[in-house]
PDB file of N, CA and C in Angstrom:
ATOM      1  N   UNK A   1       1.814   3.057 -19.678  1.00  0.00           N
ATOM      2  CA  UNK A   1       2.753   2.175 -20.346  1.00  0.00           C
ATOM      3  C   UNK A   1       3.236   1.132 -19.339  1.00  0.00           C
ATOM      4  N   UNK A   2       3.116  -0.081 -19.697  1.00  0.00           N
ATOM      5  CA  UNK A   2       3.453  -1.184 -18.821  1.00  0.00           C
ATOM      6  C   UNK A   2       4.913  -1.591 -19.023  1.00  0.00           C
ATOM      7  N   UNK A   3       5.611  -1.791 -17.922  1.00  0.00           N
ATOM      8  CA  UNK A   3       7.003  -2.208 -17.973  1.00  0.00           C
ATOM      9  C   UNK A   3       7.067  -3.723 -18.072  1.00  0.00           C
ATOM     10  N   UNK A   4       7.795  -4.188 -19.058  1.00  0.00           N
ATOM     11  CA  UNK A   4       7.950  -5.623 -19.259  1.00  0.00           C
ATOM     12  C   UNK A   4       9.384  -5.998 -18.886  1.00  0.00           C
ATOM     13  N   UNK A   5       9.528  -6.988 -18.044  1.00  0.00           N
ATOM     14  CA  UNK A   5      10.839  -7.380 -17.532  1.00  0.00           C
ATOM     15  C   UNK A   5      11.742  -7.902 -18.652  1.00  0.00           C
ATOM     16  N   UNK A   6      11.188  -8.478 -19.670  1.00  0.00           N
ATOM     17  CA  UNK A   6      11.996  -8.990 -20.778  1.00  0.00           C
ATOM     18  C   UNK A   6      12.719  -7.858 -21.499  1.00  0.00           C
ATOM     19  N   UNK A   7      12.170  -6.654 -21.458  1.00  0.00           N
ATOM     20  CA  UNK A   7      12.778  -5.516 -22.163  1.00  0.00           C
ATOM     21  C   UNK A   7      13.845  -4.810 -21.320  1.00  0.00           C
ATOM     22  N   UNK A   8      13.984  -5.180 -20.071  1.00  0.00           N
ATOM     23  CA  UNK A   8      14.932  -4.510 -19.198  1.00  0.00           C
ATOM     24  C   UNK A   8      16.382  -4.605 -19.691  1.00  0.00           C
ATOM     25  N   UNK A   9      16.884  -5.773 -20.118  1.00  0.00           N
ATOM     26  CA  UNK A   9      18.267  -5.809 -20.631  1.00  0.00           C
ATOM     27  C   UNK A   9      18.474  -4.903 -21.841  1.00  0.00           C
ATOM     28  N   UNK A  10      17.486  -4.825 -22.719  1.00  0.00           N
ATOM     29  CA  UNK A  10      17.597  -3.927 -23.882  1.00  0.00           C
ATOM     30  C   UNK A  10      17.668  -2.477 -23.433  1.00  0.00           C
ATOM     31  N   UNK A  11      16.833  -2.128 -22.467  1.00  0.00           N
ATOM     32  CA  UNK A  11      16.817  -0.769 -21.949  1.00  0.00           C
ATOM     33  C   UNK A  11      18.144  -0.430 -21.277  1.00  0.00           C
ATOM     34  N   UNK A  12      18.660  -1.360 -20.510  1.00  0.00           N
ATOM     35  CA  UNK A  12      19.927  -1.160 -19.834  1.00  0.00           C
ATOM     36  C   UNK A  12      21.061  -0.980 -20.842  1.00  0.00           C
ATOM     37  N   UNK A  13      21.080  -1.792 -21.864  1.00  0.00           N
ATOM     38  CA  UNK A  13      22.122  -1.704 -22.895  1.00  0.00           C
ATOM     39  C   UNK A  13      22.017  -0.386 -23.659  1.00  0.00           C
ATOM     40  N   UNK A  14      20.811   0.029 -24.004  1.00  0.00           N
ATOM     41  CA  UNK A  14      20.619   1.297 -24.713  1.00  0.00           C
ATOM     42  C   UNK A  14      21.039   2.486 -23.845  1.00  0.00           C
ATOM     43  N   UNK A  15      20.744   2.407 -22.578  1.00  0.00           N
ATOM     44  CA  UNK A  15      21.140   3.479 -21.659  1.00  0.00           C
ATOM     45  C   UNK A  15      22.654   3.557 -21.548  1.00  0.00           C
ATOM     46  N   UNK A  16      23.312   2.414 -21.432  1.00  0.00           N
ATOM     47  CA  UNK A  16      24.767   2.382 -21.340  1.00  0.00           C
ATOM     48  C   UNK A  16      25.407   2.939 -22.602  1.00  0.00           C
ATOM     49  N   UNK A  17      24.895   2.574 -23.763  1.00  0.00           N
ATOM     50  CA  UNK A  17      25.444   3.079 -25.025  1.00  0.00           C
ATOM     51  C   UNK A  17      25.244   4.582 -25.160  1.00  0.00           C
ATOM     52  N   UNK A  18      24.079   5.078 -24.771  1.00  0.00           N
ATOM     53  CA  UNK A  18      23.831   6.514 -24.834  1.00  0.00           C
ATOM     54  C   UNK A  18      24.773   7.266 -23.890  1.00  0.00           C
ATOM     55  N   UNK A  19      25.039   6.672 -22.731  1.00  0.00           N
ATOM     56  CA  UNK A  19      25.954   7.285 -21.777  1.00  0.00           C
ATOM     57  C   UNK A  19      27.372   7.342 -22.341  1.00  0.00           C
ATOM     58  N   UNK A  20      27.809   6.254 -22.993  1.00  0.00           N
ATOM     59  CA  UNK A  20      29.153   6.226 -23.567  1.00  0.00           C
ATOM     60  C   UNK A  20      29.309   7.199 -24.729  1.00  0.00           C
ATOM     61  N   UNK A  21      28.253   7.437 -25.475  1.00  0.00           N
ATOM     62  CA  UNK A  21      28.321   8.364 -26.609  1.00  0.00           C
ATOM     63  C   UNK A  21      28.588   9.801 -26.161  1.00  0.00           C
ATOM     64  N   UNK A  22      28.234  10.126 -24.945  1.00  0.00           N
ATOM     65  CA  UNK A  22      28.422  11.485 -24.424  1.00  0.00           C
ATOM     66  C   UNK A  22      29.836  11.733 -23.899  1.00  0.00           C
ATOM     67  N   UNK A  23      30.723  10.752 -23.993  1.00  0.00           N
ATOM     68  CA  UNK A  23      32.104  10.834 -23.527  1.00  0.00           C
ATOM     69  C   UNK A  23      32.170  11.285 -22.063  1.00  0.00           C
ATOM     70  N   UNK A  24      31.666  10.460 -21.141  1.00  0.00           N
ATOM     71  CA  UNK A  24      31.584  10.879 -19.737  1.00  0.00           C
ATOM     72  C   UNK A  24      32.934  11.109 -19.066  1.00  0.00           C
ATOM     73  N   UNK A  25      33.957  10.398 -19.489  1.00  0.00           N
ATOM     74  CA  UNK A  25      35.256  10.548 -18.849  1.00  0.00           C
ATOM     75  C   UNK A  25      35.919  11.861 -19.251  1.00  0.00           C
ATOM     76  N   UNK A  26      35.715  12.278 -20.471  1.00  0.00           N
ATOM     77  CA  UNK A  26      36.232  13.557 -20.933  1.00  0.00           C
ATOM     78  C   UNK A  26      35.495  14.701 -20.223  1.00  0.00           C
ATOM     79  N   UNK A  27      34.200  14.574 -20.085  1.00  0.00           N
ATOM     80  CA  UNK A  27      33.416  15.607 -19.426  1.00  0.00           C
ATOM     81  C   UNK A  27      33.762  15.688 -17.943  1.00  0.00           C
ATOM     82  N   UNK A  28      33.995  14.552 -17.294  1.00  0.00           N
ATOM     83  CA  UNK A  28      34.338  14.579 -15.873  1.00  0.00           C
ATOM     84  C   UNK A  28      35.684  15.261 -15.650  1.00  0.00           C
ATOM     85  N   UNK A  29      36.608  15.111 -16.571  1.00  0.00           N
ATOM     86  CA  UNK A  29      37.895  15.790 -16.447  1.00  0.00           C
ATOM     87  C   UNK A  29      37.719  17.299 -16.566  1.00  0.00           C
ATOM     88  N   UNK A  30      36.858  17.724 -17.454  1.00  0.00           N
ATOM     89  CA  UNK A  30      36.589  19.157 -17.608  1.00  0.00           C
ATOM     90  C   UNK A  30      35.946  19.725 -16.342  1.00  0.00           C
ATOM     91  N   UNK A  31      35.004  18.996 -15.780  1.00  0.00           N
ATOM     92  CA  UNK A  31      34.334  19.454 -14.560  1.00  0.00           C
ATOM     93  C   UNK A  31      35.334  19.544 -13.406  1.00  0.00           C
ATOM     94  N   UNK A  32      36.216  18.568 -13.281  1.00  0.00           N
ATOM     95  CA  UNK A  32      37.223  18.602 -12.220  1.00  0.00           C
ATOM     96  C   UNK A  32      38.175  19.790 -12.407  1.00  0.00           C
ATOM     97  N   UNK A  33      38.555  20.066 -13.639  1.00  0.00           N
ATOM     98  CA  UNK A  33      39.444  21.195 -13.939  1.00  0.00           C
ATOM     99  C   UNK A  33      38.791  22.519 -13.538  1.00  0.00           C
ATOM    100  N   UNK A  34      37.547  22.712 -13.921  1.00  0.00           N
ATOM    101  CA  UNK A  34      36.849  23.948 -13.566  1.00  0.00           C
ATOM    102  C   UNK A  34      36.588  24.047 -12.072  1.00  0.00           C
ATOM    103  N   UNK A  35      36.362  22.937 -11.409  1.00  0.00           N
ATOM    104  CA  UNK A  35      36.145  22.957  -9.962  1.00  0.00           C
ATOM    105  C   UNK A  35      37.410  23.416  -9.243  1.00  0.00           C
ATOM    106  N   UNK A  36      38.558  22.940  -9.697  1.00  0.00           N
ATOM    107  CA  UNK A  36      39.822  23.347  -9.077  1.00  0.00           C
ATOM    108  C   UNK A  36      40.078  24.832  -9.315  1.00  0.00           C
ATOM    109  N   UNK A  37      39.773  25.307 -10.516  1.00  0.00           N
ATOM    110  CA  UNK A  37      40.003  26.720 -10.801  1.00  0.00           C
ATOM    111  C   UNK A  37      39.041  27.641 -10.048  1.00  0.00           C
ATOM    112  N   UNK A  38      37.851  27.160  -9.757  1.00  0.00           N
ATOM    113  CA  UNK A  38      36.874  28.011  -9.078  1.00  0.00           C
ATOM    114  C   UNK A  38      36.958  27.924  -7.562  1.00  0.00           C
ATOM    115  N   UNK A  39      37.766  27.029  -7.027  1.00  0.00           N
ATOM    116  CA  UNK A  39      37.843  26.826  -5.583  1.00  0.00           C
ATOM    117  C   UNK A  39      38.261  28.084  -4.816  1.00  0.00           C
ATOM    118  N   UNK A  40      39.317  28.803  -5.190  1.00  0.00           N
ATOM    119  CA  UNK A  40      39.681  29.991  -4.406  1.00  0.00           C
ATOM    120  C   UNK A  40      38.579  31.052  -4.377  1.00  0.00           C
ATOM    121  N   UNK A  41      37.968  31.313  -5.501  1.00  0.00           N
ATOM    122  CA  UNK A  41      36.887  32.296  -5.540  1.00  0.00           C
ATOM    123  C   UNK A  41      35.703  31.875  -4.699  1.00  0.00           C
ATOM    124  N   UNK A  42      35.373  30.602  -4.745  1.00  0.00           N
ATOM    125  CA  UNK A  42      34.262  30.086  -3.954  1.00  0.00           C
ATOM    126  C   UNK A  42      34.559  30.193  -2.465  1.00  0.00           C
ATOM    127  N   UNK A  43      35.761  29.870  -2.066  1.00  0.00           N
ATOM    128  CA  UNK A  43      36.130  29.969  -0.653  1.00  0.00           C
ATOM    129  C   UNK A  43      36.107  31.415  -0.168  1.00  0.00           C
ATOM    130  N   UNK A  44      36.543  32.354  -0.998  1.00  0.00           N
ATOM    131  CA  UNK A  44      36.496  33.763  -0.626  1.00  0.00           C
ATOM    132  C   UNK A  44      35.054  34.214  -0.438  1.00  0.00           C
ATOM    133  N   UNK A  45      34.175  33.795  -1.348  1.00  0.00           N
ATOM    134  CA  UNK A  45      32.762  34.157  -1.211  1.00  0.00           C
ATOM    135  C   UNK A  45      32.157  33.565   0.063  1.00  0.00           C
ATOM    136  N   UNK A  46      32.474  32.319   0.362  1.00  0.00           N
ATOM    137  CA  UNK A  46      31.965  31.681   1.579  1.00  0.00           C
ATOM    138  C   UNK A  46      32.457  32.428   2.813  1.00  0.00           C
ATOM    139  N   UNK A  47      33.743  32.743   2.829  1.00  0.00           N
ATOM    140  CA  UNK A  47      34.298  33.448   3.983  1.00  0.00           C
ATOM    141  C   UNK A  47      33.656  34.821   4.164  1.00  0.00           C
ATOM    142  N   UNK A  48      33.427  35.538   3.090  1.00  0.00           N
ATOM    143  CA  UNK A  48      32.849  36.880   3.192  1.00  0.00           C
ATOM    144  C   UNK A  48      31.386  36.847   3.602  1.00  0.00           C
ATOM    145  N   UNK A  49      30.604  35.986   2.969  1.00  0.00           N
ATOM    146  CA  UNK A  49      29.161  35.960   3.243  1.00  0.00           C
ATOM    147  C   UNK A  49      28.873  35.383   4.624  1.00  0.00           C
ATOM    148  N   UNK A  50      29.380  34.202   4.884  1.00  0.00           N
ATOM    149  CA  UNK A  50      29.109  33.567   6.173  1.00  0.00           C
ATOM    150  C   UNK A  50      29.892  34.269   7.284  1.00  0.00           C
ATOM    151  N   UNK A  51      31.078  34.776   6.965  1.00  0.00           N
ATOM    152  CA  UNK A  51      31.873  35.493   7.949  1.00  0.00           C
ATOM    153  C   UNK A  51      31.224  36.781   8.414  1.00  0.00           C
ATOM    154  N   UNK A  52      30.434  37.405   7.549  1.00  0.00           N
ATOM    155  CA  UNK A  52      29.737  38.620   7.972  1.00  0.00           C
ATOM    156  C   UNK A  52      28.636  38.301   8.982  1.00  0.00           C
ATOM    157  N   UNK A  53      28.163  37.079   8.982  1.00  0.00           N
ATOM    158  CA  UNK A  53      27.124  36.686   9.927  1.00  0.00           C
ATOM    159  C   UNK A  53      27.703  36.184  11.251  1.00  0.00           C
ATOM    160  N   UNK A  54      28.734  35.345  11.195  1.00  0.00           N
ATOM    161  CA  UNK A  54      29.245  34.680  12.397  1.00  0.00           C
ATOM    162  C   UNK A  54      30.642  35.121  12.801  1.00  0.00           C
ATOM    163  N   UNK A  55      31.270  35.893  11.997  1.00  0.00           N
ATOM    164  CA  UNK A  55      32.646  36.291  12.276  1.00  0.00           C
ATOM    165  C   UNK A  55      33.606  35.534  11.382  1.00  0.00           C
ATOM    166  N   UNK A  56      34.501  36.282  10.762  1.00  0.00           N
ATOM    167  CA  UNK A  56      35.397  35.675   9.770  1.00  0.00           C
ATOM    168  C   UNK A  56      36.364  34.665  10.385  1.00  0.00           C
ATOM    169  N   UNK A  57      36.860  34.941  11.580  1.00  0.00           N
ATOM    170  CA  UNK A  57      37.831  34.022  12.193  1.00  0.00           C
ATOM    171  C   UNK A  57      37.186  32.688  12.570  1.00  0.00           C
ATOM    172  N   UNK A  58      35.949  32.734  13.025  1.00  0.00           N
ATOM    173  CA  UNK A  58      35.245  31.486  13.364  1.00  0.00           C
ATOM    174  C   UNK A  58      35.023  30.653  12.115  1.00  0.00           C
ATOM    175  N   UNK A  59      34.551  31.307  11.051  1.00  0.00           N
ATOM    176  CA  UNK A  59      34.281  30.597   9.790  1.00  0.00           C
ATOM    177  C   UNK A  59      35.576  30.072   9.196  1.00  0.00           C
ATOM    178  N   UNK A  60      36.614  30.886   9.233  1.00  0.00           N
ATOM    179  CA  UNK A  60      37.911  30.463   8.681  1.00  0.00           C
ATOM    180  C   UNK A  60      38.445  29.241   9.443  1.00  0.00           C
ATOM    181  N   UNK A  61      38.337  29.264  10.756  1.00  0.00           N
ATOM    182  CA  UNK A  61      38.799  28.136  11.560  1.00  0.00           C
ATOM    183  C   UNK A  61      38.020  26.865  11.279  1.00  0.00           C
ATOM    184  N   UNK A  62      36.700  26.973  11.203  1.00  0.00           N
ATOM    185  CA  UNK A  62      35.871  25.796  10.905  1.00  0.00           C
ATOM    186  C   UNK A  62      36.118  25.273   9.498  1.00  0.00           C
ATOM    187  N   UNK A  63      36.249  26.177   8.543  1.00  0.00           N
ATOM    188  CA  UNK A  63      36.471  25.784   7.151  1.00  0.00           C
ATOM    189  C   UNK A  63      37.781  25.021   7.016  1.00  0.00           C
ATOM    190  N   UNK A  64      38.841  25.539   7.623  1.00  0.00           N
ATOM    191  CA  UNK A  64      40.131  24.867   7.515  1.00  0.00           C
ATOM    192  C   UNK A  64      40.177  23.595   8.337  1.00  0.00           C
ATOM    193  N   UNK A  65      39.414  23.543   9.398  1.00  0.00           N
ATOM    194  CA  UNK A  65      39.307  22.299  10.161  1.00  0.00           C
ATOM    195  C   UNK A  65      38.658  21.207   9.315  1.00  0.00           C
ATOM    196  N   UNK A  66      37.598  21.570   8.615  1.00  0.00           N
ATOM    197  CA  UNK A  66      36.923  20.594   7.735  1.00  0.00           C
ATOM    198  C   UNK A  66      37.821  20.179   6.577  1.00  0.00           C
ATOM    199  N   UNK A  67      38.500  21.131   5.966  1.00  0.00           N
ATOM    200  CA  UNK A  67      39.403  20.804   4.850  1.00  0.00           C
ATOM    201  C   UNK A  67      40.536  19.911   5.341  1.00  0.00           C
ATOM    202  N   UNK A  68      41.052  20.221   6.513  1.00  0.00           N
ATOM    203  CA  UNK A  68      42.147  19.427   7.071  1.00  0.00           C
ATOM    204  C   UNK A  68      41.719  17.995   7.356  1.00  0.00           C
ATOM    205  N   UNK A  69      40.509  17.827   7.886  1.00  0.00           N
ATOM    206  CA  UNK A  69      40.059  16.467   8.177  1.00  0.00           C
ATOM    207  C   UNK A  69      39.704  15.698   6.914  1.00  0.00           C
ATOM    208  N   UNK A  70      39.276  16.396   5.872  1.00  0.00           N
ATOM    209  CA  UNK A  70      38.889  15.715   4.634  1.00  0.00           C
ATOM    210  C   UNK A  70      40.075  15.458   3.706  1.00  0.00           C
ATOM    211  N   UNK A  71      40.981  16.436   3.608  1.00  0.00           N
ATOM    212  CA  UNK A  71      42.049  16.338   2.616  1.00  0.00           C
ATOM    213  C   UNK A  71      43.447  16.309   3.204  1.00  0.00           C
ATOM    214  N   UNK A  72      43.567  16.565   4.499  1.00  0.00           N
ATOM    215  CA  UNK A  72      44.876  16.545   5.126  1.00  0.00           C
ATOM    216  C   UNK A  72      45.345  17.943   5.489  1.00  0.00           C
ATOM    217  N   UNK A  73      46.224  18.029   6.483  1.00  0.00           N
ATOM    218  CA  UNK A  73      46.677  19.348   6.958  1.00  0.00           C
ATOM    219  C   UNK A  73      47.521  20.118   5.938  1.00  0.00           C
ATOM    220  N   UNK A  74      48.279  19.408   5.108  1.00  0.00           N
ATOM    221  CA  UNK A  74      49.098  20.091   4.103  1.00  0.00           C
ATOM    222  C   UNK A  74      48.222  20.822   3.094  1.00  0.00           C
ATOM    223  N   UNK A  75      47.150  20.173   2.676  1.00  0.00           N
ATOM    224  CA  UNK A  75      46.228  20.790   1.724  1.00  0.00           C
ATOM    225  C   UNK A  75      45.545  21.992   2.356  1.00  0.00           C
ATOM    226  N   UNK A  76      45.141  21.868   3.616  1.00  0.00           N
ATOM    227  CA  UNK A  76      44.495  22.985   4.308  1.00  0.00           C
ATOM    228  C   UNK A  76      45.449  24.168   4.423  1.00  0.00           C
ATOM    229  N   UNK A  77      46.727  23.907   4.695  1.00  0.00           N
ATOM    230  CA  UNK A  77      47.700  24.996   4.776  1.00  0.00           C
ATOM    231  C   UNK A  77      47.916  25.641   3.418  1.00  0.00           C
ATOM    232  N   UNK A  78      47.925  24.848   2.361  1.00  0.00           N
ATOM    233  CA  UNK A  78      48.069  25.397   1.009  1.00  0.00           C
ATOM    234  C   UNK A  78      46.901  26.292   0.653  1.00  0.00           C
ATOM    235  N   UNK A  79      45.704  25.849   0.964  1.00  0.00           N
ATOM    236  CA  UNK A  79      44.508  26.659   0.676  1.00  0.00           C
ATOM    237  C   UNK A  79      44.500  27.918   1.521  1.00  0.00           C
ATOM    238  N   UNK A  80      44.929  27.816   2.753  1.00  0.00           N
ATOM    239  CA  UNK A  80      45.001  28.976   3.626  1.00  0.00           C
ATOM    240  C   UNK A  80      46.029  29.978   3.063  1.00  0.00           C
ATOM    241  N   UNK A  81      47.105  29.488   2.519  1.00  0.00           N
ATOM    242  CA  UNK A  81      48.098  30.362   1.894  1.00  0.00           C
ATOM    243  C   UNK A  81      47.551  31.060   0.668  1.00  0.00           C
ATOM    244  N   UNK A  82      46.733  30.382  -0.103  1.00  0.00           N
ATOM    245  CA  UNK A  82      46.127  30.984  -1.292  1.00  0.00           C
ATOM    246  C   UNK A  82      45.198  32.132  -0.895  1.00  0.00           C
ATOM    247  N   UNK A  83      44.422  31.908   0.163  1.00  0.00           N
ATOM    248  CA  UNK A  83      43.479  32.931   0.591  1.00  0.00           C
ATOM    249  C   UNK A  83      44.170  34.046   1.341  1.00  0.00           C
TER     250      UNK A  83
END
């Protein structure tokens, strides 16, 4: 099948309309909500699995260092309190 440049705007418009029909903003909010709810469980699994290989204190220190640099020290302390 040969691509014709004249059809590109039609293809782009059809793709955009199909994307809007799926309600992407509503779905992204749902994904963000579930990600926040699954964060403590995911962090516990990471600490247990990787901590059994390298030591829990080393993994915990590196994990909170990364969280602190990405999201700030207050957020890292809050997550540390949750765990």
